[in-house]
PDB file of N, CA and C in Angstrom:
ATOM      1  N   MET A   1     119.397 100.788  81.048  1.00  0.00           N
ATOM      2  CA  MET A   1     119.704 102.046  81.375  1.00  0.00           C
ATOM      3  C   MET A   1     119.905 102.150  82.876  1.00  0.00           C
ATOM      4  N   VAL A   2     118.672 101.539  83.637  1.00  0.00           N
ATOM      5  CA  VAL A   2     118.682 101.543  85.014  1.00  0.00           C
ATOM      6  C   VAL A   2     119.766 100.947  85.540  1.00  0.00           C
ATOM      7  N   LYS A   3     120.176  99.723  85.321  1.00  0.00           N
ATOM      8  CA  LYS A   3     121.323  99.040  85.734  1.00  0.00           C
ATOM      9  C   LYS A   3     122.693  99.787  85.695  1.00  0.00           C
ATOM     10  N   ASN A   4     122.778 100.639  84.464  1.00  0.00           N
ATOM     11  CA  ASN A   4     124.080 101.492  84.332  1.00  0.00           C
ATOM     12  C   ASN A   4     123.930 102.538  85.313  1.00  0.00           C
ATOM     13  N   GLN A   5     122.869 103.101  85.557  1.00  0.00           N
ATOM     14  CA  GLN A   5     122.529 104.285  86.449  1.00  0.00           C
ATOM     15  C   GLN A   5     122.993 103.775  87.810  1.00  0.00           C
ATOM     16  N   GLN A   6     122.694 102.575  88.260  1.00  0.00           N
ATOM     17  CA  GLN A   6     122.864 102.063  89.652  1.00  0.00           C
ATOM     18  C   GLN A   6     124.322 101.791  89.713  1.00  0.00           C
ATOM     19  N   GLN A   7     124.983 101.120  88.773  1.00  0.00           N
ATOM     20  CA  GLN A   7     126.500 101.005  88.601  1.00  0.00           C
ATOM     21  C   GLN A   7     127.278 102.488  88.871  1.00  0.00           C
ATOM     22  N   ALA A   8     126.706 103.435  87.985  1.00  0.00           N
ATOM     23  CA  ALA A   8     127.288 104.714  88.154  1.00  0.00           C
ATOM     24  C   ALA A   8     127.221 105.402  89.559  1.00  0.00           C
ATOM     25  N   ASP A   9     125.989 105.242  90.139  1.00  0.00           N
ATOM     26  CA  ASP A   9     125.682 105.624  91.512  1.00  0.00           C
ATOM     27  C   ASP A   9     126.702 104.933  92.511  1.00  0.00           C
ATOM     28  N   GLY A  10     126.795 103.606  92.449  1.00  0.00           N
ATOM     29  CA  GLY A  10     127.666 102.919  93.254  1.00  0.00           C
ATOM     30  C   GLY A  10     129.244 103.234  93.141  1.00  0.00           C
ATOM     31  N   ILE A  11     129.689 103.534  91.859  1.00  0.00           N
ATOM     32  CA  ILE A  11     130.963 104.088  91.847  1.00  0.00           C
ATOM     33  C   ILE A  11     131.044 105.510  92.428  1.00  0.00           C
ATOM     34  N   SER A  12     130.241 106.301  92.231  1.00  0.00           N
ATOM     35  CA  SER A  12     130.125 107.569  92.812  1.00  0.00           C
ATOM     36  C   SER A  12     130.295 107.614  94.272  1.00  0.00           C
ATOM     37  N   LEU A  13     129.408 106.720  94.957  1.00  0.00           N
ATOM     38  CA  LEU A  13     129.376 106.738  96.253  1.00  0.00           C
ATOM     39  C   LEU A  13     130.796 106.034  96.812  1.00  0.00           C
ATOM     40  N   GLN A  14     131.200 105.229  96.161  1.00  0.00           N
ATOM     41  CA  GLN A  14     132.668 104.447  96.457  1.00  0.00           C
ATOM     42  C   GLN A  14     133.755 105.507  96.568  1.00  0.00           C
ATOM     43  N   ASN A  15     133.646 106.304  95.337  1.00  0.00           N
ATOM     44  CA  ASN A  15     134.610 107.531  95.377  1.00  0.00           C
ATOM     45  C   ASN A  15     134.342 108.543  96.487  1.00  0.00           C
ATOM     46  N   ALA A  16     133.123 108.833  96.900  1.00  0.00           N
ATOM     47  CA  ALA A  16     132.961 109.737  97.952  1.00  0.00           C
ATOM     48  C   ALA A  16     133.640 109.134  99.341  1.00  0.00           C
ATOM     49  N   VAL A  17     133.316 107.870  99.424  1.00  0.00           N
ATOM     50  CA  VAL A  17     133.886 107.106 100.622  1.00  0.00           C
ATOM     51  C   VAL A  17     135.306 107.277 100.656  1.00  0.00           C
ATOM     52  N   ARG A  18     136.090 107.116  99.472  1.00  0.00           N
ATOM     53  CA  ARG A  18     137.475 107.173  99.272  1.00  0.00           C
ATOM     54  C   ARG A  18     137.852 108.581  99.614  1.00  0.00           C
ATOM     55  N   GLN A  19     137.224 109.700  99.071  1.00  0.00           N
ATOM     56  CA  GLN A  19     137.512 111.109  99.548  1.00  0.00           C
ATOM     57  C   GLN A  19     137.508 111.168 100.957  1.00  0.00           C
ATOM     58  N   LEU A  20     136.398 110.768 101.702  1.00  0.00           N
ATOM     59  CA  LEU A  20     136.370 110.860 103.003  1.00  0.00           C
ATOM     60  C   LEU A  20     137.407 110.282 103.796  1.00  0.00           C
ATOM     61  N   GLU A  21     137.966 109.024 103.294  1.00  0.00           N
ATOM     62  CA  GLU A  21     139.120 108.428 103.843  1.00  0.00           C
ATOM     63  C   GLU A  21     140.474 109.374 103.715  1.00  0.00           C
ATOM     64  N   LEU A  22     140.623 109.831 102.463  1.00  0.00           N
ATOM     65  CA  LEU A  22     141.729 110.779 102.184  1.00  0.00           C
ATOM     66  C   LEU A  22     141.642 112.055 103.178  1.00  0.00           C
ATOM     67  N   TRP A  23     140.584 112.543 103.385  1.00  0.00           N
ATOM     68  CA  TRP A  23     140.335 113.645 104.283  1.00  0.00           C
ATOM     69  C   TRP A  23     140.722 113.275 105.743  1.00  0.00           C
ATOM     70  N   THR A  24     140.217 112.052 106.211  1.00  0.00           N
ATOM     71  CA  THR A  24     140.562 111.782 107.499  1.00  0.00           C
ATOM     72  C   THR A  24     141.990 111.425 107.720  1.00  0.00           C
ATOM     73  N   ASP A  25     142.749 110.905 106.698  1.00  0.00           N
ATOM     74  CA  ASP A  25     144.235 110.584 106.565  1.00  0.00           C
ATOM     75  C   ASP A  25     144.809 111.967 106.850  1.00  0.00           C
ATOM     76  N   LYS A  26     144.466 112.976 106.121  1.00  0.00           N
ATOM     77  CA  LYS A  26     145.080 114.320 106.000  1.00  0.00           C
ATOM     78  C   LYS A  26     144.978 114.922 107.435  1.00  0.00           C
ATOM     79  N   TRP A  27     143.974 114.758 108.119  1.00  0.00           N
ATOM     80  CA  TRP A  27     143.722 115.360 109.428  1.00  0.00           C
ATOM     81  C   TRP A  27     144.044 114.417 110.624  1.00  0.00           C
ATOM     82  N   GLN A  28     144.708 113.333 110.339  1.00  0.00           N
ATOM     83  CA  GLN A  28     145.285 112.338 111.157  1.00  0.00           C
ATOM     84  C   GLN A  28     144.037 111.813 112.105  1.00  0.00           C
ATOM     85  N   LEU A  29     143.038 111.656 111.540  1.00  0.00           N
ATOM     86  CA  LEU A  29     141.914 110.873 112.133  1.00  0.00           C
ATOM     87  C   LEU A  29     141.639 109.494 111.426  1.00  0.00           C
ATOM     88  N   THR A  30     141.096 108.698 112.240  1.00  0.00           N
ATOM     89  CA  THR A  30     140.901 107.338 111.774  1.00  0.00           C
ATOM     90  C   THR A  30     139.473 106.890 111.631  1.00  0.00           C
ATOM     91  N   LEU A  31     139.078 106.190 110.669  1.00  0.00           N
ATOM     92  CA  LEU A  31     137.848 105.494 110.531  1.00  0.00           C
ATOM     93  C   LEU A  31     137.884 104.134 110.912  1.00  0.00           C
ATOM     94  N   ASN A  32     137.024 103.668 112.109  1.00  0.00           N
ATOM     95  CA  ASN A  32     136.966 102.266 112.473  1.00  0.00           C
ATOM     96  C   ASN A  32     135.869 101.555 111.474  1.00  0.00           C
ATOM     97  N   PRO A  33     136.415 100.558 110.683  1.00  0.00           N
ATOM     98  CA  PRO A  33     135.613  99.870 109.634  1.00  0.00           C
ATOM     99  C   PRO A  33     134.676  99.122 110.565  1.00  0.00           C
ATOM    100  N   ASP A  34     134.851  98.640 111.811  1.00  0.00           N
ATOM    101  CA  ASP A  34     133.940  97.830 112.443  1.00  0.00           C
ATOM    102  C   ASP A  34     132.786  98.735 112.788  1.00  0.00           C
ATOM    103  N   LYS A  35     132.928 100.024 112.868  1.00  0.00           N
ATOM    104  CA  LYS A  35     131.672 100.807 113.205  1.00  0.00           C
ATOM    105  C   LYS A  35     131.153 101.605 112.087  1.00  0.00           C
ATOM    106  N   CYS A  36     131.491 101.236 110.828  1.00  0.00           N
ATOM    107  CA  CYS A  36     131.093 101.923 109.636  1.00  0.00           C
ATOM    108  C   CYS A  36     130.267 100.834 108.976  1.00  0.00           C
ATOM    109  N   LYS A  37     128.897 101.279 108.611  1.00  0.00           N
ATOM    110  CA  LYS A  37     127.997 100.326 108.144  1.00  0.00           C
ATOM    111  C   LYS A  37     127.311 101.023 106.714  1.00  0.00           C
ATOM    112  N   VAL A  38     126.771 100.103 105.902  1.00  0.00           N
ATOM    113  CA  VAL A  38     125.980 100.509 104.741  1.00  0.00           C
ATOM    114  C   VAL A  38     124.689 100.362 104.914  1.00  0.00           C
ATOM    115  N   MET A  39     123.763 101.310 104.592  1.00  0.00           N
ATOM    116  CA  MET A  39     122.286 101.022 104.572  1.00  0.00           C
ATOM    117  C   MET A  39     121.741 101.411 103.203  1.00  0.00           C
ATOM    118  N   HIS A  40     121.147 100.478 102.470  1.00  0.00           N
ATOM    119  CA  HIS A  40     120.499 100.735 101.245  1.00  0.00           C
ATOM    120  C   HIS A  40     119.102 101.306 101.346  1.00  0.00           C
ATOM    121  N   LEU A  41     118.816 102.594 101.037  1.00  0.00           N
ATOM    122  CA  LEU A  41     117.576 103.145 101.251  1.00  0.00           C
ATOM    123  C   LEU A  41     116.701 103.135  99.947  1.00  0.00           C
ATOM    124  N   GLY A  42     115.544 102.535 100.265  1.00  0.00           N
ATOM    125  CA  GLY A  42     114.597 102.718  99.313  1.00  0.00           C
ATOM    126  C   GLY A  42     114.659 101.815  98.145  1.00  0.00           C
ATOM    127  N   HIS A  43     115.680 100.786  97.981  1.00  0.00           N
ATOM    128  CA  HIS A  43     115.852 100.019  96.971  1.00  0.00           C
ATOM    129  C   HIS A  43     116.234  98.591  97.446  1.00  0.00           C
ATOM    130  N   ASP A  44     116.238  97.686  96.438  1.00  0.00           N
ATOM    131  CA  ASP A  44     116.623  96.225  96.953  1.00  0.00           C
ATOM    132  C   ASP A  44     117.847  95.579  96.242  1.00  0.00           C
ATOM    133  N   TYR A  45     118.650  96.345  95.499  1.00  0.00           N
ATOM    134  CA  TYR A  45     119.811  95.837  94.891  1.00  0.00           C
ATOM    135  C   TYR A  45     120.888  96.354  95.803  1.00  0.00           C
ATOM    136  N   SER A  46     121.940  95.398  95.857  1.00  0.00           N
ATOM    137  CA  SER A  46     122.919  95.721  96.880  1.00  0.00           C
ATOM    138  C   SER A  46     124.145  96.074  96.325  1.00  0.00           C
ATOM    139  N   THR A  47     124.836  96.941  96.669  1.00  0.00           N
ATOM    140  CA  THR A  47     126.256  97.330  96.206  1.00  0.00           C
ATOM    141  C   THR A  47     127.058  97.406  97.392  1.00  0.00           C
ATOM    142  N   THR A  48     128.321  96.731  97.236  1.00  0.00           N
ATOM    143  CA  THR A  48     129.256  96.888  98.358  1.00  0.00           C
ATOM    144  C   THR A  48     130.239  97.989  98.312  1.00  0.00           C
ATOM    145  N   TYR A  49     130.492  98.595  99.516  1.00  0.00           N
ATOM    146  CA  TYR A  49     131.535  99.572  99.673  1.00  0.00           C
ATOM    147  C   TYR A  49     132.430  99.159 100.368  1.00  0.00           C
ATOM    148  N   GLU A  50     133.736  99.838 100.236  1.00  0.00           N
ATOM    149  CA  GLU A  50     134.909  99.239 101.165  1.00  0.00           C
ATOM    150  C   GLU A  50     135.750 100.448 101.684  1.00  0.00           C
ATOM    151  N   LEU A  51     136.305 100.373 102.794  1.00  0.00           N
ATOM    152  CA  LEU A  51     137.362 101.207 103.221  1.00  0.00           C
ATOM    153  C   LEU A  51     138.562 100.735 102.903  1.00  0.00           C
ATOM    154  N   HIS A  52     139.707 101.453 102.509  1.00  0.00           N
ATOM    155  CA  HIS A  52     140.951 100.999 102.325  1.00  0.00           C
ATOM    156  C   HIS A  52     141.894 101.215 103.485  1.00  0.00           C
ATOM    157  N   ASN A  53     141.388 101.418 104.688  1.00  0.00           N
ATOM    158  CA  ASN A  53     142.241 101.647 105.813  1.00  0.00           C
ATOM    159  C   ASN A  53     143.499 100.683 106.054  1.00  0.00           C
ATOM    160  N   GLY A  54     144.482 100.810 105.242  1.00  0.00           N
ATOM    161  CA  GLY A  54     145.506  99.857 105.287  1.00  0.00           C
ATOM    162  C   GLY A  54     145.234  98.802 104.185  1.00  0.00           C
ATOM    163  N   LYS A  55     144.217  98.108 104.483  1.00  0.00           N
ATOM    164  CA  LYS A  55     143.900  97.031 103.457  1.00  0.00           C
ATOM    165  C   LYS A  55     142.291  97.217 103.111  1.00  0.00           C
ATOM    166  N   PRO A  56     142.053  96.695 101.990  1.00  0.00           N
ATOM    167  CA  PRO A  56     140.564  96.932 101.426  1.00  0.00           C
ATOM    168  C   PRO A  56     139.673  96.165 102.549  1.00  0.00           C
ATOM    169  N   ARG A  57     138.478  96.690 102.963  1.00  0.00           N
ATOM    170  CA  ARG A  57     137.490  96.009 103.894  1.00  0.00           C
ATOM    171  C   ARG A  57     136.158  96.330 103.470  1.00  0.00           C
ATOM    172  N   VAL A  58     135.506  95.206 103.182  1.00  0.00           N
ATOM    173  CA  VAL A  58     133.987  95.606 102.621  1.00  0.00           C
ATOM    174  C   VAL A  58     133.301  95.916 103.884  1.00  0.00           C
ATOM    175  N   LEU A  59     132.451  97.004 103.774  1.00  0.00           N
ATOM    176  CA  LEU A  59     131.774  97.464 104.841  1.00  0.00           C
ATOM    177  C   LEU A  59     130.555  96.572 105.249  1.00  0.00           C
ATOM    178  N   ASP A  60     130.172  96.307 106.279  1.00  0.00           N
ATOM    179  CA  ASP A  60     128.900  95.588 106.789  1.00  0.00           C
ATOM    180  C   ASP A  60     127.664  96.100 106.249  1.00  0.00           C
ATOM    181  N   GLU A  61     126.598  95.484 105.950  1.00  0.00           N
ATOM    182  CA  GLU A  61     125.371  96.119 105.769  1.00  0.00           C
ATOM    183  C   GLU A  61     124.260  95.998 106.901  1.00  0.00           C
ATOM    184  N   THR A  62     123.620  96.959 106.920  1.00  0.00           N
ATOM    185  CA  THR A  62     122.558  96.996 107.920  1.00  0.00           C
ATOM    186  C   THR A  62     121.157  97.306 107.325  1.00  0.00           C
ATOM    187  N   VAL A  63     120.090  96.934 108.079  1.00  0.00           N
ATOM    188  CA  VAL A  63     118.688  97.362 107.784  1.00  0.00           C
ATOM    189  C   VAL A  63     118.059  98.465 108.662  1.00  0.00           C
ATOM    190  N   GLU A  64     118.743  98.457 109.776  1.00  0.00           N
ATOM    191  CA  GLU A  64     118.144  99.520 110.771  1.00  0.00           C
ATOM    192  C   GLU A  64     119.183  99.987 111.678  1.00  0.00           C
ATOM    193  N   GLU A  65     119.339 101.192 112.058  1.00  0.00           N
ATOM    194  CA  GLU A  65     120.374 101.646 112.890  1.00  0.00           C
ATOM    195  C   GLU A  65     119.775 102.729 113.886  1.00  0.00           C
ATOM    196  N   ASN A  66     120.350 102.880 114.996  1.00  0.00           N
ATOM    197  CA  ASN A  66     119.874 103.939 116.021  1.00  0.00           C
ATOM    198  C   ASN A  66     121.126 104.862 116.337  1.00  0.00           C
ATOM    199  N   ASP A  67     120.847 106.120 116.131  1.00  0.00           N
ATOM    200  CA  ASP A  67     121.810 106.921 116.370  1.00  0.00           C
ATOM    201  C   ASP A  67     121.074 108.317 117.263  1.00  0.00           C
ATOM    202  N   LEU A  68     121.561 108.526 118.315  1.00  0.00           N
ATOM    203  CA  LEU A  68     121.080 109.519 119.268  1.00  0.00           C
ATOM    204  C   LEU A  68     119.514 109.261 119.455  1.00  0.00           C
ATOM    205  N   ASP A  69     119.170 107.951 119.643  1.00  0.00           N
ATOM    206  CA  ASP A  69     117.769 107.709 120.180  1.00  0.00           C
ATOM    207  C   ASP A  69     117.045 107.749 118.800  1.00  0.00           C
ATOM    208  N   VAL A  70     117.264 108.045 117.629  1.00  0.00           N
ATOM    209  CA  VAL A  70     116.619 108.100 116.496  1.00  0.00           C
ATOM    210  C   VAL A  70     116.850 106.755 115.670  1.00  0.00           C
ATOM    211  N   TYR A  71     115.728 106.158 115.252  1.00  0.00           N
ATOM    212  CA  TYR A  71     115.791 104.789 114.685  1.00  0.00           C
ATOM    213  C   TYR A  71     115.534 105.171 113.274  1.00  0.00           C
ATOM    214  N   VAL A  72     116.494 104.621 112.359  1.00  0.00           N
ATOM    215  CA  VAL A  72     116.206 104.744 110.918  1.00  0.00           C
ATOM    216  C   VAL A  72     116.333 103.243 110.351  1.00  0.00           C
ATOM    217  N   ASN A  73     115.306 103.097 109.491  1.00  0.00           N
ATOM    218  CA  ASN A  73     115.428 101.688 108.853  1.00  0.00           C
ATOM    219  C   ASN A  73     115.498 101.953 107.182  1.00  0.00           C
ATOM    220  N   SER A  74     116.008 100.804 106.619  1.00  0.00           N
ATOM    221  CA  SER A  74     116.085 100.939 105.146  1.00  0.00           C
ATOM    222  C   SER A  74     114.830 101.404 104.406  1.00  0.00           C
ATOM    223  N   GLY A  75     113.782 101.187 104.782  1.00  0.00           N
ATOM    224  CA  GLY A  75     112.454 101.393 104.115  1.00  0.00           C
ATOM    225  C   GLY A  75     111.999 102.929 104.607  1.00  0.00           C
ATOM    226  N   LEU A  76     112.732 103.674 105.445  1.00  0.00           N
ATOM    227  CA  LEU A  76     112.336 104.928 105.897  1.00  0.00           C
ATOM    228  C   LEU A  76     110.979 104.924 106.471  1.00  0.00           C
ATOM    229  N   LYS A  77     110.535 103.971 107.019  1.00  0.00           N
ATOM    230  CA  LYS A  77     109.310 103.968 107.776  1.00  0.00           C
ATOM    231  C   LYS A  77     109.523 104.380 109.150  1.00  0.00           C
ATOM    232  N   PRO A  78     108.544 105.006 109.694  1.00  0.00           N
ATOM    233  CA  PRO A  78     108.758 105.493 111.213  1.00  0.00           C
ATOM    234  C   PRO A  78     108.216 104.630 112.106  1.00  0.00           C
ATOM    235  N   SER A  79     107.784 103.375 111.857  1.00  0.00           N
ATOM    236  CA  SER A  79     107.326 102.477 112.591  1.00  0.00           C
ATOM    237  C   SER A  79     108.259 102.063 114.034  1.00  0.00           C
ATOM    238  N   THR A  80     109.452 101.767 113.705  1.00  0.00           N
ATOM    239  CA  THR A  80     110.374 101.563 114.744  1.00  0.00           C
ATOM    240  C   THR A  80     110.563 102.544 115.822  1.00  0.00           C
ATOM    241  N   GLN A  81     110.783 103.707 115.035  1.00  0.00           N
ATOM    242  CA  GLN A  81     110.840 105.018 116.004  1.00  0.00           C
ATOM    243  C   GLN A  81     109.628 105.345 116.834  1.00  0.00           C
ATOM    244  N   CYS A  82     108.292 105.157 116.359  1.00  0.00           N
ATOM    245  CA  CYS A  82     107.029 105.263 117.074  1.00  0.00           C
ATOM    246  C   CYS A  82     107.083 104.264 118.106  1.00  0.00           C
ATOM    247  N   ALA A  83     107.236 103.022 117.818  1.00  0.00           N
ATOM    248  CA  ALA A  83     107.088 101.979 118.968  1.00  0.00           C
ATOM    249  C   ALA A  83     108.072 102.278 119.893  1.00  0.00           C
ATOM    250  N   LYS A  84     109.385 102.493 119.613  1.00  0.00           N
ATOM    251  CA  LYS A  84     110.314 102.724 120.858  1.00  0.00           C
ATOM    252  C   LYS A  84     109.884 103.833 121.643  1.00  0.00           C
ATOM    253  N   SER A  85     109.361 105.086 120.958  1.00  0.00           N
ATOM    254  CA  SER A  85     108.902 106.216 121.787  1.00  0.00           C
ATOM    255  C   SER A  85     107.894 105.972 122.575  1.00  0.00           C
ATOM    256  N   ALA A  86     106.857 105.193 122.066  1.00  0.00           N
ATOM    257  CA  ALA A  86     105.733 104.796 122.843  1.00  0.00           C
ATOM    258  C   ALA A  86     106.001 103.893 123.975  1.00  0.00           C
ATOM    259  N   ASN A  87     106.712 103.068 123.590  1.00  0.00           N
ATOM    260  CA  ASN A  87     107.364 101.904 125.036  1.00  0.00           C
ATOM    261  C   ASN A  87     108.066 103.045 126.083  1.00  0.00           C
ATOM    262  N   ARG A  88     108.795 103.774 125.591  1.00  0.00           N
ATOM    263  CA  ARG A  88     109.462 104.764 126.679  1.00  0.00           C
ATOM    264  C   ARG A  88     108.529 105.600 127.466  1.00  0.00           C
ATOM    265  N   ALA A  89     107.665 106.147 126.710  1.00  0.00           N
ATOM    266  CA  ALA A  89     106.554 107.033 127.310  1.00  0.00           C
ATOM    267  C   ALA A  89     105.704 106.102 128.413  1.00  0.00           C
ATOM    268  N   MET A  90     105.282 105.046 127.793  1.00  0.00           N
ATOM    269  CA  MET A  90     104.603 104.072 128.851  1.00  0.00           C
ATOM    270  C   MET A  90     105.398 103.507 129.981  1.00  0.00           C
ATOM    271  N   SER A  91     106.674 103.470 129.818  1.00  0.00           N
ATOM    272  CA  SER A  91     107.514 103.237 131.095  1.00  0.00           C
ATOM    273  C   SER A  91     107.778 104.325 131.885  1.00  0.00           C
ATOM    274  N   VAL A  92     107.625 105.535 131.461  1.00  0.00           N
ATOM    275  CA  VAL A  92     107.820 106.768 132.425  1.00  0.00           C
ATOM    276  C   VAL A  92     106.214 106.711 133.062  1.00  0.00           C
ATOM    277  N   LEU A  93     105.162 106.574 132.272  1.00  0.00           N
ATOM    278  CA  LEU A  93     103.927 106.704 132.952  1.00  0.00           C
ATOM    279  C   LEU A  93     103.607 105.441 134.027  1.00  0.00           C
ATOM    280  N   ARG A  94     104.112 104.271 133.806  1.00  0.00           N
ATOM    281  CA  ARG A  94     104.086 103.227 134.941  1.00  0.00           C
ATOM    282  C   ARG A  94     104.802 103.837 136.038  1.00  0.00           C
ATOM    283  N   MET A  95     106.025 104.496 135.939  1.00  0.00           N
ATOM    284  CA  MET A  95     106.857 104.939 137.152  1.00  0.00           C
ATOM    285  C   MET A  95     106.028 105.931 137.833  1.00  0.00           C
ATOM    286  N   VAL A  96     105.503 106.829 137.076  1.00  0.00           N
ATOM    287  CA  VAL A  96     104.981 108.046 137.807  1.00  0.00           C
ATOM    288  C   VAL A  96     103.678 107.357 138.538  1.00  0.00           C
ATOM    289  N   GLN A  97     102.892 106.328 137.933  1.00  0.00           N
ATOM    290  CA  GLN A  97     101.653 105.699 138.660  1.00  0.00           C
ATOM    291  C   GLN A  97     102.040 104.963 139.902  1.00  0.00           C
ATOM    292  N   GLU A  98     103.282 104.266 139.825  1.00  0.00           N
ATOM    293  CA  GLU A  98     103.875 103.685 140.886  1.00  0.00           C
ATOM    294  C   GLU A  98     104.090 104.614 142.150  1.00  0.00           C
ATOM    295  N   ILE A  99     104.707 105.857 141.777  1.00  0.00           N
ATOM    296  CA  ILE A  99     105.110 106.776 142.645  1.00  0.00           C
ATOM    297  C   ILE A  99     103.950 107.406 143.369  1.00  0.00           C
ATOM    298  N   PHE A 100     102.854 107.678 142.529  1.00  0.00           N
ATOM    299  CA  PHE A 100     101.751 108.404 143.290  1.00  0.00           C
ATOM    300  C   PHE A 100     100.565 107.425 143.772  1.00  0.00           C
ATOM    301  N   GLN A 101     100.741 106.175 143.625  1.00  0.00           N
ATOM    302  CA  GLN A 101      99.977 105.166 144.021  1.00  0.00           C
ATOM    303  C   GLN A 101      99.821 105.087 145.641  1.00  0.00           C
ATOM    304  N   GLY A 102     100.958 105.388 146.234  1.00  0.00           N
ATOM    305  CA  GLY A 102     101.124 105.364 147.784  1.00  0.00           C
ATOM    306  C   GLY A 102     100.646 106.438 148.579  1.00  0.00           C
ATOM    307  N   LEU A 103     100.616 107.474 147.767  1.00  0.00           N
ATOM    308  CA  LEU A 103     100.370 108.968 148.241  1.00  0.00           C
ATOM    309  C   LEU A 103      98.848 109.086 148.707  1.00  0.00           C
ATOM    310  N   THR A 104      98.573 109.897 149.857  1.00  0.00           N
ATOM    311  CA  THR A 104      97.184 110.081 150.191  1.00  0.00           C
ATOM    312  C   THR A 104      96.906 111.378 149.529  1.00  0.00           C
ATOM    313  N   GLU A 105      95.612 111.824 149.677  1.00  0.00           N
ATOM    314  CA  GLU A 105      95.249 113.220 149.460  1.00  0.00           C
ATOM    315  C   GLU A 105      96.044 114.273 150.217  1.00  0.00           C
ATOM    316  N   LYS A 106      96.265 113.961 151.372  1.00  0.00           N
ATOM    317  CA  LYS A 106      96.848 114.898 152.303  1.00  0.00           C
ATOM    318  C   LYS A 106      98.271 115.101 151.855  1.00  0.00           C
ATOM    319  N   THR A 107      98.938 114.175 151.478  1.00  0.00           N
ATOM    320  CA  THR A 107     100.349 114.039 151.116  1.00  0.00           C
ATOM    321  C   THR A 107     100.389 114.946 149.740  1.00  0.00           C
TER     322      THR A 107
END
């Protein structure tokens, strides 16, 4: 039953991708298949999805993506986001320390 449910979910998601394509065609927008990716969240089975923009093209798979400086991975763990944020904060702290290092009390 689990396998059949996975297949049904895959078909449902492919239909949703196709509906999105039809909507973008109606409004004269285009989807760039090179920028569209698939991330499987919380499971290890893989299903392929495709865009039919002219000719069928299977979407690339990814395990981690960054959008607007928010990192998301397929395990939904915040470790990458936390590490990147901590590195950015430490970089700013080092910059502030360098700036204030040369100042005297009077300055």
